[in-house]
Amino acid sequence: MDLFLDTSAVVPLVLQEPHSAAALKAWEQSTELYAWRWMQVEAEAALARRRATPQAWSEWRQIAATISWLEMGESQLPQLCAFNRPLRLRAADAGHLFVCDRAITVVPDLQLVTFDNEMLAAARTLGLPCFLAAA
């Protein structure tokens, strides 16, 4: 299963959080992982702010090495702004969703994994496929 991860789907893999079990289910069912390169900044900031252990940092590096990182160029910023106007998401969340939306045109079976309720609602509004771990 091809999955696009946002930060809320990765941090619970290395730090104990309410969504850790669901994040692990997504991880275990994945065949290919994709993410917007900015997620690396967000994930590392989360680990730093929560004073992650050396083991958590090691786990993060192992996960990061398995991700196919997707870029967004400066020339795409006007498109991102237009994309987000009706969604009204926070800037980084809009970026994740924009990159995922574009990636689906190349990886048609791609599913978004997020535990952010606003992003999930926006993805559903756009008709983007979302991975939902069974409870």
C-alpha atoms as a PDB file:
ATOM      1  CA  MET A   1       0.000   0.000   0.000  1.00  0.00           C
ATOM      2  CA  ASP A   2       1.404   3.404  -1.002  1.00  0.00           C
ATOM      3  CA  LEU A   3       1.035   5.909   1.823  1.00  0.00           C
ATOM      4  CA  PHE A   4       1.653   9.645   2.095  1.00  0.00           C
ATOM      5  CA  LEU A   5       2.565  10.556   5.661  1.00  0.00           C
ATOM      6  CA  ASP A   6       2.129  13.855   7.381  1.00  0.00           C
ATOM      7  CA  THR A   7       3.912  14.651  10.631  1.00  0.00           C
ATOM      8  CA  SER A   8       1.033  13.453  12.800  1.00  0.00           C
ATOM      9  CA  ALA A   9       1.456   9.988  11.268  1.00  0.00           C
ATOM     10  CA  VAL A  10       5.207   9.757  11.865  1.00  0.00           C
ATOM     11  CA  VAL A  11       5.860  11.218  15.308  1.00  0.00           C
ATOM     12  CA  PRO A  12       3.620   8.584  16.984  1.00  0.00           C
ATOM     13  CA  LEU A  13       5.903   5.914  15.535  1.00  0.00           C
ATOM     14  CA  VAL A  14       8.798   7.088  17.697  1.00  0.00           C
ATOM     15  CA  LEU A  15       7.080   8.802  20.634  1.00  0.00           C
ATOM     16  CA  GLN A  16       4.194   7.366  22.611  1.00  0.00           C
ATOM     17  CA  GLU A  17       1.045   9.246  21.593  1.00  0.00           C
ATOM     18  CA  PRO A  18      -2.685   8.511  21.430  1.00  0.00           C
ATOM     19  CA  HIS A  19      -2.355   7.566  17.740  1.00  0.00           C
ATOM     20  CA  SER A  20       0.730   5.356  18.092  1.00  0.00           C
ATOM     21  CA  ALA A  21      -1.182   2.096  17.530  1.00  0.00           C
ATOM     22  CA  ALA A  22      -2.948   3.420  14.421  1.00  0.00           C
ATOM     23  CA  ALA A  23       0.313   4.866  13.064  1.00  0.00           C
ATOM     24  CA  LEU A  24       1.964   1.487  13.546  1.00  0.00           C
ATOM     25  CA  LYS A  25      -0.873  -0.222  11.622  1.00  0.00           C
ATOM     26  CA  ALA A  26      -0.316   2.153   8.713  1.00  0.00           C
ATOM     27  CA  TRP A  27       3.438   1.567   8.851  1.00  0.00           C
ATOM     28  CA  GLU A  28       3.006  -2.218   8.886  1.00  0.00           C
ATOM     29  CA  GLN A  29       0.618  -2.156   5.909  1.00  0.00           C
ATOM     30  CA  SER A  30       2.730   0.158   3.778  1.00  0.00           C
ATOM     31  CA  THR A  31       4.761  -0.919   0.788  1.00  0.00           C
ATOM     32  CA  GLU A  32       6.010   2.545  -0.185  1.00  0.00           C
ATOM     33  CA  LEU A  33       6.082   5.709   1.915  1.00  0.00           C
ATOM     34  CA  TYR A  34       5.990   9.274   0.631  1.00  0.00           C
ATOM     35  CA  ALA A  35       6.119  12.624   2.398  1.00  0.00           C
ATOM     36  CA  TRP A  36       6.714  16.280   1.709  1.00  0.00           C
ATOM     37  CA  ARG A  37      10.314  17.173   2.570  1.00  0.00           C
ATOM     38  CA  TRP A  38       9.094  19.798   5.092  1.00  0.00           C
ATOM     39  CA  MET A  39       7.815  16.973   7.288  1.00  0.00           C
ATOM     40  CA  GLN A  40      11.424  16.260   8.222  1.00  0.00           C
ATOM     41  CA  VAL A  41      11.669  19.730   9.791  1.00  0.00           C
ATOM     42  CA  GLU A  42       8.386  19.259  11.649  1.00  0.00           C
ATOM     43  CA  ALA A  43       9.231  15.769  12.894  1.00  0.00           C
ATOM     44  CA  GLU A  44      12.657  16.791  14.130  1.00  0.00           C
ATOM     45  CA  ALA A  45      11.188  19.853  15.834  1.00  0.00           C
ATOM     46  CA  ALA A  46       8.667  17.616  17.613  1.00  0.00           C
ATOM     47  CA  LEU A  47      11.422  15.272  18.755  1.00  0.00           C
ATOM     48  CA  ALA A  48      13.591  18.155  19.950  1.00  0.00           C
ATOM     49  CA  ARG A  49      10.756  19.914  21.795  1.00  0.00           C
ATOM     50  CA  ARG A  50       9.805  16.684  23.558  1.00  0.00           C
ATOM     51  CA  ARG A  51      13.428  15.910  24.411  1.00  0.00           C
ATOM     52  CA  ALA A  52      13.365  12.586  22.602  1.00  0.00           C
ATOM     53  CA  THR A  53      15.738   9.869  23.719  1.00  0.00           C
ATOM     54  CA  PRO A  54      18.687   8.793  21.580  1.00  0.00           C
ATOM     55  CA  GLN A  55      16.693   5.646  20.748  1.00  0.00           C
ATOM     56  CA  ALA A  56      13.773   7.735  19.450  1.00  0.00           C
ATOM     57  CA  TRP A  57      16.180   9.769  17.296  1.00  0.00           C
ATOM     58  CA  SER A  58      17.655   6.540  15.940  1.00  0.00           C
ATOM     59  CA  GLU A  59      14.179   5.199  15.138  1.00  0.00           C
ATOM     60  CA  TRP A  60      13.322   8.472  13.402  1.00  0.00           C
ATOM     61  CA  ARG A  61      16.465   8.264  11.235  1.00  0.00           C
ATOM     62  CA  GLN A  62      15.559   4.694  10.251  1.00  0.00           C
ATOM     63  CA  ILE A  63      12.036   5.757   9.302  1.00  0.00           C
ATOM     64  CA  ALA A  64      13.257   8.827   7.415  1.00  0.00           C
ATOM     65  CA  ALA A  65      15.582   6.637   5.361  1.00  0.00           C
ATOM     66  CA  THR A  66      12.589   4.637   4.073  1.00  0.00           C
ATOM     67  CA  ILE A  67      10.571   7.643   2.910  1.00  0.00           C
ATOM     68  CA  SER A  68      10.508   8.864  -0.673  1.00  0.00           C
ATOM     69  CA  TRP A  69      10.780  12.605  -0.066  1.00  0.00           C
ATOM     70  CA  LEU A  70       8.773  14.890  -2.343  1.00  0.00           C
ATOM     71  CA  GLU A  71       9.732  18.489  -3.002  1.00  0.00           C
ATOM     72  CA  MET A  72       7.691  21.589  -3.697  1.00  0.00           C
ATOM     73  CA  GLY A  73       9.417  24.315  -5.637  1.00  0.00           C
ATOM     74  CA  GLU A  74       9.068  28.038  -5.139  1.00  0.00           C
ATOM     75  CA  SER A  75       7.239  28.264  -8.459  1.00  0.00           C
ATOM     76  CA  GLN A  76       4.402  26.200  -6.943  1.00  0.00           C
ATOM     77  CA  LEU A  77       3.725  28.607  -4.066  1.00  0.00           C
ATOM     78  CA  PRO A  78       1.023  30.594  -5.924  1.00  0.00           C
ATOM     79  CA  GLN A  79      -0.755  27.294  -6.715  1.00  0.00           C
ATOM     80  CA  LEU A  80      -0.489  26.253  -3.072  1.00  0.00           C
ATOM     81  CA  CYS A  81      -1.977  29.559  -1.932  1.00  0.00           C
ATOM     82  CA  ALA A  82      -4.901  29.193  -4.349  1.00  0.00           C
ATOM     83  CA  PHE A  83      -5.336  25.534  -3.331  1.00  0.00           C
ATOM     84  CA  ASN A  84      -5.605  26.510   0.332  1.00  0.00           C
ATOM     85  CA  ARG A  85      -7.934  29.522   0.087  1.00  0.00           C
ATOM     86  CA  PRO A  86     -11.131  27.461   0.224  1.00  0.00           C
ATOM     87  CA  LEU A  87      -9.625  24.977   2.717  1.00  0.00           C
ATOM     88  CA  ARG A  88      -8.263  27.576   5.180  1.00  0.00           C
ATOM     89  CA  LEU A  89      -5.688  25.169   6.623  1.00  0.00           C
ATOM     90  CA  ARG A  90      -2.592  26.128   8.582  1.00  0.00           C
ATOM     91  CA  ALA A  91       0.311  26.775   6.218  1.00  0.00           C
ATOM     92  CA  ALA A  92       2.245  23.529   6.740  1.00  0.00           C
ATOM     93  CA  ASP A  93      -0.928  21.432   6.670  1.00  0.00           C
ATOM     94  CA  ALA A  94      -1.864  23.066   3.372  1.00  0.00           C
ATOM     95  CA  GLY A  95       1.585  22.192   2.058  1.00  0.00           C
ATOM     96  CA  HIS A  96       1.281  18.544   3.055  1.00  0.00           C
ATOM     97  CA  LEU A  97      -2.150  18.256   1.464  1.00  0.00           C
ATOM     98  CA  PHE A  98      -1.072  20.100  -1.695  1.00  0.00           C
ATOM     99  CA  VAL A  99       1.947  17.836  -2.196  1.00  0.00           C
ATOM    100  CA  CYS A 100      -0.180  14.745  -1.516  1.00  0.00           C
ATOM    101  CA  ASP A 101      -2.821  15.916  -3.991  1.00  0.00           C
ATOM    102  CA  ARG A 102      -0.168  16.378  -6.680  1.00  0.00           C
ATOM    103  CA  ALA A 103       1.540  13.060  -5.849  1.00  0.00           C
ATOM    104  CA  ILE A 104      -1.717  11.158  -6.355  1.00  0.00           C
ATOM    105  CA  THR A 105      -1.616  12.118 -10.032  1.00  0.00           C
ATOM    106  CA  VAL A 106       1.637  10.122 -10.314  1.00  0.00           C
ATOM    107  CA  VAL A 107       0.966   7.434  -7.681  1.00  0.00           C
ATOM    108  CA  PRO A 108      -2.769   6.764  -8.185  1.00  0.00           C
ATOM    109  CA  ASP A 109      -3.165   4.313  -5.277  1.00  0.00           C
ATOM    110  CA  LEU A 110      -1.597   6.733  -2.792  1.00  0.00           C
ATOM    111  CA  GLN A 111      -3.480   7.223   0.470  1.00  0.00           C
ATOM    112  CA  LEU A 112      -2.997  10.041   2.964  1.00  0.00           C
ATOM    113  CA  VAL A 113      -2.209   9.111   6.563  1.00  0.00           C
ATOM    114  CA  THR A 114      -2.958  11.918   9.008  1.00  0.00           C
ATOM    115  CA  PHE A 115      -4.324  12.158  12.514  1.00  0.00           C
ATOM    116  CA  ASP A 116      -4.956  15.887  12.156  1.00  0.00           C
ATOM    117  CA  ASN A 117      -8.733  16.336  12.092  1.00  0.00           C
ATOM    118  CA  GLU A 118      -8.684  19.544  10.042  1.00  0.00           C
ATOM    119  CA  MET A 119      -6.416  18.041   7.403  1.00  0.00           C
ATOM    120  CA  LEU A 120      -8.484  14.864   7.298  1.00  0.00           C
ATOM    121  CA  ALA A 121     -11.687  16.872   6.786  1.00  0.00           C
ATOM    122  CA  ALA A 122     -10.046  18.909   4.011  1.00  0.00           C
ATOM    123  CA  ALA A 123      -8.738  15.751   2.332  1.00  0.00           C
ATOM    124  CA  ARG A 124     -12.211  14.253   2.394  1.00  0.00           C
ATOM    125  CA  THR A 125     -13.669  17.456   0.953  1.00  0.00           C
ATOM    126  CA  LEU A 126     -11.198  17.132  -1.919  1.00  0.00           C
ATOM    127  CA  GLY A 127     -12.022  13.444  -2.357  1.00  0.00           C
ATOM    128  CA  LEU A 128      -8.485  12.324  -1.539  1.00  0.00           C
ATOM    129  CA  PRO A 129      -8.144   8.703  -0.413  1.00  0.00           C
ATOM    130  CA  CYS A 130      -7.288   8.462   3.281  1.00  0.00           C
ATOM    131  CA  PHE A 131      -5.911   5.523   5.227  1.00  0.00           C
ATOM    132  CA  LEU A 132      -8.056   4.764   8.250  1.00  0.00           C
ATOM    133  CA  ALA A 133      -6.689   2.182  10.657  1.00  0.00           C
ATOM    134  CA  ALA A 134      -9.422  -0.062  12.011  1.00  0.00           C
ATOM    135  CA  ALA A 135      -9.919   0.505  15.704  1.00  0.00           C
END
